[in-house]
PDB file of N, CA and C in Angstrom:
ATOM      1  N   MET A   1      11.431 -17.350  -1.156  1.00  0.00           N
ATOM      2  CA  MET A   1      11.030 -17.050  -2.519  1.00  0.00           C
ATOM      3  C   MET A   1       9.784 -17.858  -2.850  1.00  0.00           C
ATOM      4  N   ASP A   2       8.871 -17.232  -3.533  1.00  0.00           N
ATOM      5  CA  ASP A   2       7.670 -17.912  -3.995  1.00  0.00           C
ATOM      6  C   ASP A   2       8.026 -18.823  -5.172  1.00  0.00           C
ATOM      7  N   VAL A   3       7.119 -19.683  -5.520  1.00  0.00           N
ATOM      8  CA  VAL A   3       7.320 -20.620  -6.622  1.00  0.00           C
ATOM      9  C   VAL A   3       7.543 -19.898  -7.947  1.00  0.00           C
ATOM     10  N   ASP A   4       6.884 -18.773  -8.137  1.00  0.00           N
ATOM     11  CA  ASP A   4       6.970 -18.066  -9.414  1.00  0.00           C
ATOM     12  C   ASP A   4       8.145 -17.089  -9.491  1.00  0.00           C
ATOM     13  N   GLY A   5       9.152 -17.212  -8.599  1.00  0.00           N
ATOM     14  CA  GLY A   5      10.331 -16.359  -8.651  1.00  0.00           C
ATOM     15  C   GLY A   5      10.115 -14.972  -8.092  1.00  0.00           C
ATOM     16  N   VAL A   6       9.096 -14.829  -7.261  1.00  0.00           N
ATOM     17  CA  VAL A   6       8.773 -13.532  -6.682  1.00  0.00           C
ATOM     18  C   VAL A   6       9.143 -13.556  -5.200  1.00  0.00           C
ATOM     19  N   ILE A   7       9.741 -12.469  -4.731  1.00  0.00           N
ATOM     20  CA  ILE A   7      10.194 -12.363  -3.346  1.00  0.00           C
ATOM     21  C   ILE A   7       9.548 -11.124  -2.729  1.00  0.00           C
ATOM     22  N   ARG A   8       9.322 -11.147  -1.449  1.00  0.00           N
ATOM     23  CA  ARG A   8       8.772  -9.974  -0.756  1.00  0.00           C
ATOM     24  C   ARG A   8       9.893  -8.999  -0.415  1.00  0.00           C
ATOM     25  N   CYS A   9       9.639  -7.729  -0.651  1.00  0.00           N
ATOM     26  CA  CYS A   9      10.575  -6.671  -0.267  1.00  0.00           C
ATOM     27  C   CYS A   9      10.690  -6.683   1.256  1.00  0.00           C
ATOM     28  N   GLY A  10      11.911  -6.578   1.756  1.00  0.00           N
ATOM     29  CA  GLY A  10      12.131  -6.594   3.193  1.00  0.00           C
ATOM     30  C   GLY A  10      11.566  -5.391   3.921  1.00  0.00           C
ATOM     31  N   LEU A  11      11.306  -4.303   3.210  1.00  0.00           N
ATOM     32  CA  LEU A  11      10.790  -3.097   3.868  1.00  0.00           C
ATOM     33  C   LEU A  11       9.277  -2.954   3.709  1.00  0.00           C
ATOM     34  N   CYS A  12       8.801  -2.928   2.477  1.00  0.00           N
ATOM     35  CA  CYS A  12       7.363  -2.681   2.265  1.00  0.00           C
ATOM     36  C   CYS A  12       6.535  -3.965   2.251  1.00  0.00           C
ATOM     37  N   GLY A  13       7.168  -5.100   2.019  1.00  0.00           N
ATOM     38  CA  GLY A  13       6.462  -6.375   2.040  1.00  0.00           C
ATOM     39  C   GLY A  13       5.742  -6.733   0.751  1.00  0.00           C
ATOM     40  N   ARG A  14       5.874  -5.891  -0.288  1.00  0.00           N
ATOM     41  CA  ARG A  14       5.209  -6.209  -1.555  1.00  0.00           C
ATOM     42  C   ARG A  14       5.910  -7.375  -2.230  1.00  0.00           C
ATOM     43  N   ARG A  15       5.146  -8.232  -2.884  1.00  0.00           N
ATOM     44  CA  ARG A  15       5.713  -9.319  -3.681  1.00  0.00           C
ATOM     45  C   ARG A  15       6.330  -8.696  -4.921  1.00  0.00           C
ATOM     46  N   THR A  16       7.634  -8.861  -5.088  1.00  0.00           N
ATOM     47  CA  THR A  16       8.384  -8.158  -6.121  1.00  0.00           C
ATOM     48  C   THR A  16       9.168  -9.132  -6.972  1.00  0.00           C
ATOM     49  N   PRO A  17       9.159  -8.961  -8.297  1.00  0.00           N
ATOM     50  CA  PRO A  17       9.984  -9.812  -9.153  1.00  0.00           C
ATOM     51  C   PRO A  17      11.456  -9.654  -8.790  1.00  0.00           C
ATOM     52  N   ARG A  18      12.194 -10.734  -8.907  1.00  0.00           N
ATOM     53  CA  ARG A  18      13.605 -10.753  -8.512  1.00  0.00           C
ATOM     54  C   ARG A  18      14.408  -9.646  -9.192  1.00  0.00           C
ATOM     55  N   TRP A  19      14.101  -9.341 -10.443  1.00  0.00           N
ATOM     56  CA  TRP A  19      14.890  -8.343 -11.164  1.00  0.00           C
ATOM     57  C   TRP A  19      14.673  -6.925 -10.625  1.00  0.00           C
ATOM     58  N   GLN A  20      13.652  -6.739  -9.787  1.00  0.00           N
ATOM     59  CA  GLN A  20      13.401  -5.425  -9.207  1.00  0.00           C
ATOM     60  C   GLN A  20      13.895  -5.313  -7.766  1.00  0.00           C
ATOM     61  N   LEU A  21      14.754  -6.227  -7.356  1.00  0.00           N
ATOM     62  CA  LEU A  21      15.289  -6.200  -5.999  1.00  0.00           C
ATOM     63  C   LEU A  21      16.746  -5.753  -6.009  1.00  0.00           C
ATOM     64  N   SER A  22      17.167  -5.152  -4.922  1.00  0.00           N
ATOM     65  CA  SER A  22      18.573  -4.800  -4.759  1.00  0.00           C
ATOM     66  C   SER A  22      18.966  -5.067  -3.314  1.00  0.00           C
ATOM     67  N   LYS A  23      20.268  -5.192  -3.081  1.00  0.00           N
ATOM     68  CA  LYS A  23      20.770  -5.476  -1.739  1.00  0.00           C
ATOM     69  C   LYS A  23      21.006  -4.177  -0.985  1.00  0.00           C
ATOM     70  N   HIS A  24      20.431  -4.106   0.207  1.00  0.00           N
ATOM     71  CA  HIS A  24      20.680  -2.985   1.105  1.00  0.00           C
ATOM     72  C   HIS A  24      21.569  -3.502   2.225  1.00  0.00           C
ATOM     73  N   HIS A  25      22.775  -2.943   2.332  1.00  0.00           N
ATOM     74  CA  HIS A  25      23.679  -3.341   3.404  1.00  0.00           C
ATOM     75  C   HIS A  25      23.263  -2.623   4.679  1.00  0.00           C
ATOM     76  N   VAL A  26      22.877  -3.412   5.678  1.00  0.00           N
ATOM     77  CA  VAL A  26      22.370  -2.863   6.928  1.00  0.00           C
ATOM     78  C   VAL A  26      23.452  -2.011   7.599  1.00  0.00           C
ATOM     79  N   LEU A  27      24.657  -2.508   7.666  1.00  0.00           N
ATOM     80  CA  LEU A  27      25.815  -1.727   8.084  1.00  0.00           C
ATOM     81  C   LEU A  27      26.562  -1.421   6.788  1.00  0.00           C
ATOM     82  N   PRO A  28      26.851  -0.161   6.494  1.00  0.00           N
ATOM     83  CA  PRO A  28      27.471   0.182   5.215  1.00  0.00           C
ATOM     84  C   PRO A  28      28.733  -0.623   4.921  1.00  0.00           C
ATOM     85  N   LYS A  29      28.924  -0.960   3.661  1.00  0.00           N
ATOM     86  CA  LYS A  29      30.115  -1.707   3.252  1.00  0.00           C
ATOM     87  C   LYS A  29      31.385  -0.958   3.628  1.00  0.00           C
ATOM     88  N   SER A  30      31.331   0.370   3.570  1.00  0.00           N
ATOM     89  CA  SER A  30      32.503   1.171   3.911  1.00  0.00           C
ATOM     90  C   SER A  30      32.888   1.029   5.383  1.00  0.00           C
ATOM     91  N   ARG A  31      31.975   0.552   6.193  1.00  0.00           N
ATOM     92  CA  ARG A  31      32.227   0.334   7.626  1.00  0.00           C
ATOM     93  C   ARG A  31      32.406  -1.161   7.936  1.00  0.00           C
ATOM     94  N   GLY A  32      32.594  -1.970   6.895  1.00  0.00           N
ATOM     95  CA  GLY A  32      32.821  -3.398   7.096  1.00  0.00           C
ATOM     96  C   GLY A  32      31.558  -4.239   7.101  1.00  0.00           C
ATOM     97  N   GLY A  33      30.444  -3.664   6.717  1.00  0.00           N
ATOM     98  CA  GLY A  33      29.187  -4.404   6.712  1.00  0.00           C
ATOM     99  C   GLY A  33      29.156  -5.478   5.644  1.00  0.00           C
ATOM    100  N   ARG A  34      28.668  -6.634   6.007  1.00  0.00           N
ATOM    101  CA  ARG A  34      28.552  -7.748   5.068  1.00  0.00           C
ATOM    102  C   ARG A  34      27.113  -8.208   4.910  1.00  0.00           C
ATOM    103  N   ARG A  35      26.307  -8.038   5.965  1.00  0.00           N
ATOM    104  CA  ARG A  35      24.925  -8.519   5.938  1.00  0.00           C
ATOM    105  C   ARG A  35      24.069  -7.573   5.102  1.00  0.00           C
ATOM    106  N   SER A  36      23.278  -8.149   4.234  1.00  0.00           N
ATOM    107  CA  SER A  36      22.400  -7.324   3.410  1.00  0.00           C
ATOM    108  C   SER A  36      20.990  -7.892   3.416  1.00  0.00           C
ATOM    109  N   GLU A  37      20.051  -7.037   3.082  1.00  0.00           N
ATOM    110  CA  GLU A  37      18.641  -7.407   2.981  1.00  0.00           C
ATOM    111  C   GLU A  37      18.161  -7.073   1.579  1.00  0.00           C
ATOM    112  N   LEU A  38      17.259  -7.880   1.043  1.00  0.00           N
ATOM    113  CA  LEU A  38      16.705  -7.610  -0.275  1.00  0.00           C
ATOM    114  C   LEU A  38      15.527  -6.652  -0.167  1.00  0.00           C
ATOM    115  N   LEU A  39      15.638  -5.539  -0.882  1.00  0.00           N
ATOM    116  CA  LEU A  39      14.576  -4.538  -0.930  1.00  0.00           C
ATOM    117  C   LEU A  39      14.228  -4.272  -2.377  1.00  0.00           C
ATOM    118  N   CYS A  40      12.983  -3.887  -2.626  1.00  0.00           N
ATOM    119  CA  CYS A  40      12.647  -3.459  -3.980  1.00  0.00           C
ATOM    120  C   CYS A  40      13.438  -2.188  -4.273  1.00  0.00           C
ATOM    121  N   LYS A  41      13.735  -1.955  -5.524  1.00  0.00           N
ATOM    122  CA  LYS A  41      14.564  -0.807  -5.894  1.00  0.00           C
ATOM    123  C   LYS A  41      13.928   0.506  -5.487  1.00  0.00           C
ATOM    124  N   THR A  42      12.606   0.568  -5.499  1.00  0.00           N
ATOM    125  CA  THR A  42      11.913   1.788  -5.098  1.00  0.00           C
ATOM    126  C   THR A  42      12.172   2.100  -3.628  1.00  0.00           C
ATOM    127  N   CYS A  43      12.025   1.112  -2.756  1.00  0.00           N
ATOM    128  CA  CYS A  43      12.271   1.321  -1.325  1.00  0.00           C
ATOM    129  C   CYS A  43      13.744   1.640  -1.068  1.00  0.00           C
ATOM    130  N   HIS A  44      14.625   0.905  -1.715  1.00  0.00           N
ATOM    131  CA  HIS A  44      16.055   1.116  -1.508  1.00  0.00           C
ATOM    132  C   HIS A  44      16.458   2.543  -1.891  1.00  0.00           C
ATOM    133  N   GLY A  45      15.985   2.993  -3.031  1.00  0.00           N
ATOM    134  CA  GLY A  45      16.282   4.354  -3.457  1.00  0.00           C
ATOM    135  C   GLY A  45      15.699   5.394  -2.514  1.00  0.00           C
ATOM    136  N   HIS A  46      14.494   5.131  -2.028  1.00  0.00           N
ATOM    137  CA  HIS A  46      13.842   6.086  -1.127  1.00  0.00           C
ATOM    138  C   HIS A  46      14.598   6.202   0.194  1.00  0.00           C
ATOM    139  N   ILE A  47      15.060   5.088   0.715  1.00  0.00           N
ATOM    140  CA  ILE A  47      15.826   5.101   1.966  1.00  0.00           C
ATOM    141  C   ILE A  47      17.064   5.981   1.813  1.00  0.00           C
ATOM    142  N   HIS A  48      17.800   5.779   0.716  1.00  0.00           N
ATOM    143  CA  HIS A  48      19.039   6.526   0.525  1.00  0.00           C
ATOM    144  C   HIS A  48      18.793   7.982   0.135  1.00  0.00           C
ATOM    145  N   ALA A  49      17.639   8.286  -0.390  1.00  0.00           N
ATOM    146  CA  ALA A  49      17.293   9.683  -0.669  1.00  0.00           C
ATOM    147  C   ALA A  49      16.895  10.412   0.616  1.00  0.00           C
ATOM    148  N   LEU A  50      16.369   9.669   1.567  1.00  0.00           N
ATOM    149  CA  LEU A  50      15.851  10.258   2.800  1.00  0.00           C
ATOM    150  C   LEU A  50      16.897  10.344   3.912  1.00  0.00           C
ATOM    151  N   PHE A  51      17.746   9.324   4.012  1.00  0.00           N
ATOM    152  CA  PHE A  51      18.708   9.243   5.112  1.00  0.00           C
ATOM    153  C   PHE A  51      20.138   9.212   4.589  1.00  0.00           C
ATOM    154  N   SER A  52      21.041   9.846   5.327  1.00  0.00           N
ATOM    155  CA  SER A  52      22.465   9.757   4.988  1.00  0.00           C
ATOM    156  C   SER A  52      22.994   8.400   5.465  1.00  0.00           C
ATOM    157  N   VAL A  53      24.156   8.024   4.974  1.00  0.00           N
ATOM    158  CA  VAL A  53      24.776   6.764   5.392  1.00  0.00           C
ATOM    159  C   VAL A  53      25.041   6.797   6.897  1.00  0.00           C
ATOM    160  N   LYS A  54      25.455   7.943   7.396  1.00  0.00           N
ATOM    161  CA  LYS A  54      25.710   8.062   8.844  1.00  0.00           C
ATOM    162  C   LYS A  54      24.427   7.882   9.652  1.00  0.00           C
ATOM    163  N   GLU A  55      23.318   8.455   9.178  1.00  0.00           N
ATOM    164  CA  GLU A  55      22.036   8.280   9.881  1.00  0.00           C
ATOM    165  C   GLU A  55      21.611   6.816   9.879  1.00  0.00           C
ATOM    166  N   LEU A  56      21.769   6.163   8.736  1.00  0.00           N
ATOM    167  CA  LEU A  56      21.397   4.749   8.647  1.00  0.00           C
ATOM    168  C   LEU A  56      22.245   3.917   9.603  1.00  0.00           C
ATOM    169  N   GLU A  57      23.533   4.209   9.643  1.00  0.00           N
ATOM    170  CA  GLU A  57      24.429   3.455  10.517  1.00  0.00           C
ATOM    171  C   GLU A  57      24.109   3.702  11.992  1.00  0.00           C
ATOM    172  N   ARG A  58      23.831   4.938  12.343  1.00  0.00           N
ATOM    173  CA  ARG A  58      23.617   5.310  13.736  1.00  0.00           C
ATOM    174  C   ARG A  58      22.232   4.896  14.249  1.00  0.00           C
ATOM    175  N   SER A  59      21.189   5.143  13.466  1.00  0.00           N
ATOM    176  CA  SER A  59      19.837   4.993  13.997  1.00  0.00           C
ATOM    177  C   SER A  59      19.006   3.859  13.403  1.00  0.00           C
ATOM    178  N   TYR A  60      19.380   3.393  12.228  1.00  0.00           N
ATOM    179  CA  TYR A  60      18.517   2.429  11.532  1.00  0.00           C
ATOM    180  C   TYR A  60      19.311   1.206  11.074  1.00  0.00           C
ATOM    181  N   ARG A  61      19.815   0.448  12.028  1.00  0.00           N
ATOM    182  CA  ARG A  61      20.679  -0.692  11.714  1.00  0.00           C
ATOM    183  C   ARG A  61      19.905  -1.977  11.448  1.00  0.00           C
ATOM    184  N   THR A  62      18.590  -1.934  11.577  1.00  0.00           N
ATOM    185  CA  THR A  62      17.768  -3.108  11.284  1.00  0.00           C
ATOM    186  C   THR A  62      16.569  -2.681  10.435  1.00  0.00           C
ATOM    187  N   LEU A  63      15.973  -3.652   9.769  1.00  0.00           N
ATOM    188  CA  LEU A  63      14.763  -3.347   8.997  1.00  0.00           C
ATOM    189  C   LEU A  63      13.612  -2.950   9.917  1.00  0.00           C
ATOM    190  N   ASP A  64      13.566  -3.534  11.091  1.00  0.00           N
ATOM    191  CA  ASP A  64      12.510  -3.152  12.045  1.00  0.00           C
ATOM    192  C   ASP A  64      12.644  -1.684  12.425  1.00  0.00           C
ATOM    193  N   ALA A  65      13.875  -1.223  12.627  1.00  0.00           N
ATOM    194  CA  ALA A  65      14.095   0.192  12.965  1.00  0.00           C
ATOM    195  C   ALA A  65      13.696   1.082  11.787  1.00  0.00           C
ATOM    196  N   LEU A  66      14.009   0.660  10.577  1.00  0.00           N
ATOM    197  CA  LEU A  66      13.613   1.437   9.398  1.00  0.00           C
ATOM    198  C   LEU A  66      12.101   1.489   9.255  1.00  0.00           C
ATOM    199  N   ARG A  67      11.444   0.341   9.422  1.00  0.00           N
ATOM    200  CA  ARG A  67       9.982   0.304   9.309  1.00  0.00           C
ATOM    201  C   ARG A  67       9.309   1.204  10.335  1.00  0.00           C
ATOM    202  N   ALA A  68       9.945   1.388  11.492  1.00  0.00           N
ATOM    203  CA  ALA A  68       9.368   2.203  12.555  1.00  0.00           C
ATOM    204  C   ALA A  68       9.732   3.682  12.425  1.00  0.00           C
ATOM    205  N   ALA A  69      10.632   4.024  11.515  1.00  0.00           N
ATOM    206  CA  ALA A  69      11.086   5.408  11.366  1.00  0.00           C
ATOM    207  C   ALA A  69       9.923   6.307  10.964  1.00  0.00           C
ATOM    208  N   SER A  70       9.700   7.356  11.725  1.00  0.00           N
ATOM    209  CA  SER A  70       8.560   8.227  11.432  1.00  0.00           C
ATOM    210  C   SER A  70       8.641   8.890  10.051  1.00  0.00           C
ATOM    211  N   PRO A  71       9.837   9.262   9.534  1.00  0.00           N
ATOM    212  CA  PRO A  71       9.852   9.861   8.189  1.00  0.00           C
ATOM    213  C   PRO A  71       9.412   8.899   7.070  1.00  0.00           C
ATOM    214  N   LEU A  72       9.405   7.607   7.338  1.00  0.00           N
ATOM    215  CA  LEU A  72       9.026   6.620   6.315  1.00  0.00           C
ATOM    216  C   LEU A  72       7.563   6.210   6.365  1.00  0.00           C
ATOM    217  N   GLN A  73       6.831   6.590   7.390  1.00  0.00           N
ATOM    218  CA  GLN A  73       5.472   6.074   7.572  1.00  0.00           C
ATOM    219  C   GLN A  73       4.529   6.420   6.419  1.00  0.00           C
ATOM    220  N   GLY A  74       4.538   7.634   5.964  1.00  0.00           N
ATOM    221  CA  GLY A  74       3.678   8.023   4.841  1.00  0.00           C
ATOM    222  C   GLY A  74       4.053   7.297   3.565  1.00  0.00           C
ATOM    223  N   TYR A  75       5.352   7.185   3.317  1.00  0.00           N
ATOM    224  CA  TYR A  75       5.834   6.467   2.139  1.00  0.00           C
ATOM    225  C   TYR A  75       5.398   5.002   2.182  1.00  0.00           C
ATOM    226  N   LEU A  76       5.572   4.351   3.327  1.00  0.00           N
ATOM    227  CA  LEU A  76       5.214   2.936   3.438  1.00  0.00           C
ATOM    228  C   LEU A  76       3.713   2.714   3.232  1.00  0.00           C
ATOM    229  N   ARG A  77       2.892   3.604   3.772  1.00  0.00           N
ATOM    230  CA  ARG A  77       1.440   3.477   3.539  1.00  0.00           C
ATOM    231  C   ARG A  77       1.131   3.587   2.049  1.00  0.00           C
ATOM    232  N   TRP A  78       1.794   4.514   1.367  1.00  0.00           N
ATOM    233  CA  TRP A  78       1.559   4.739  -0.056  1.00  0.00           C
ATOM    234  C   TRP A  78       2.093   3.585  -0.912  1.00  0.00           C
ATOM    235  N   ILE A  79       3.333   3.165  -0.682  1.00  0.00           N
ATOM    236  CA  ILE A  79       3.970   2.167  -1.559  1.00  0.00           C
ATOM    237  C   ILE A  79       3.280   0.810  -1.448  1.00  0.00           C
ATOM    238  N   ARG A  80       2.744   0.488  -0.308  1.00  0.00           N
ATOM    239  CA  ARG A  80       2.070  -0.808  -0.140  1.00  0.00           C
ATOM    240  C   ARG A  80       0.812  -0.919  -0.996  1.00  0.00           C
ATOM    241  N   LYS A  81       0.288   0.205  -1.460  1.00  0.00           N
ATOM    242  CA  LYS A  81      -0.898   0.214  -2.318  1.00  0.00           C
ATOM    243  C   LYS A  81      -0.544   0.122  -3.801  1.00  0.00           C
ATOM    244  N   GLN A  82       0.742   0.237  -4.138  1.00  0.00           N
ATOM    245  CA  GLN A  82       1.171   0.268  -5.534  1.00  0.00           C
ATOM    246  C   GLN A  82       1.424  -1.136  -6.072  1.00  0.00           C
ATOM    247  N   LYS A  83       1.263  -1.304  -7.367  1.00  0.00           N
ATOM    248  CA  LYS A  83       1.554  -2.583  -8.006  1.00  0.00           C
ATOM    249  C   LYS A  83       3.053  -2.845  -7.928  1.00  0.00           C
ATOM    250  N   PRO A  84       3.455  -4.066  -7.612  1.00  0.00           N
ATOM    251  CA  PRO A  84       4.885  -4.375  -7.472  1.00  0.00           C
ATOM    252  C   PRO A  84       5.699  -4.159  -8.749  1.00  0.00           C
ATOM    253  N   THR A  85       5.082  -4.295  -9.900  1.00  0.00           N
ATOM    254  CA  THR A  85       5.831  -4.157 -11.153  1.00  0.00           C
ATOM    255  C   THR A  85       5.929  -2.713 -11.624  1.00  0.00           C
ATOM    256  N   ARG A  86       5.227  -1.811 -10.966  1.00  0.00           N
ATOM    257  CA  ARG A  86       5.275  -0.405 -11.358  1.00  0.00           C
ATOM    258  C   ARG A  86       6.631   0.192 -11.003  1.00  0.00           C
ATOM    259  N   GLN A  87       7.188   0.979 -11.922  1.00  0.00           N
ATOM    260  CA  GLN A  87       8.460   1.641 -11.671  1.00  0.00           C
ATOM    261  C   GLN A  87       8.218   3.121 -11.461  1.00  0.00           C
ATOM    262  N   PHE A  88       9.049   3.730 -10.647  1.00  0.00           N
ATOM    263  CA  PHE A  88       8.881   5.121 -10.276  1.00  0.00           C
ATOM    264  C   PHE A  88      10.144   5.917 -10.569  1.00  0.00           C
ATOM    265  N   ARG A  89       9.946   7.180 -10.870  1.00  0.00           N
ATOM    266  CA  ARG A  89      11.072   8.107 -10.997  1.00  0.00           C
ATOM    267  C   ARG A  89      11.172   8.893  -9.705  1.00  0.00           C
ATOM    268  N   ARG A  90      12.385   9.118  -9.284  1.00  0.00           N
ATOM    269  CA  ARG A  90      12.604   9.946  -8.102  1.00  0.00           C
ATOM    270  C   ARG A  90      13.076  11.313  -8.555  1.00  0.00           C
ATOM    271  N   ARG A  91      12.492  12.326  -8.000  1.00  0.00           N
ATOM    272  CA  ARG A  91      12.944  13.679  -8.281  1.00  0.00           C
ATOM    273  C   ARG A  91      13.928  14.093  -7.224  1.00  0.00           C
ATOM    274  N   ARG A  92      14.947  14.734  -7.627  1.00  0.00           N
ATOM    275  CA  ARG A  92      16.009  15.142  -6.681  1.00  0.00           C
ATOM    276  C   ARG A  92      15.779  16.527  -6.178  1.00  0.00           C
TER     277      ARG A  92
END
């Protein structure tokens, strides 16, 4: 954590205020997962909109695997250019 209470998102790397972070369980809680990573709410929501829990469990069990996922590459390039305090709406 930085001195000013700002933490980097584990996925996009943007410096994000603590109140905009959420815990992403690398192994789903329903499968006994306990380890979690802090992600900005925008990244966390995008991951769950893009991948099912089964896909995350099977193919993306680490942040490195998620960062390398080809469906996320365009999103990651875009989100890294956005202001950390900006909030986004997701369309379903």
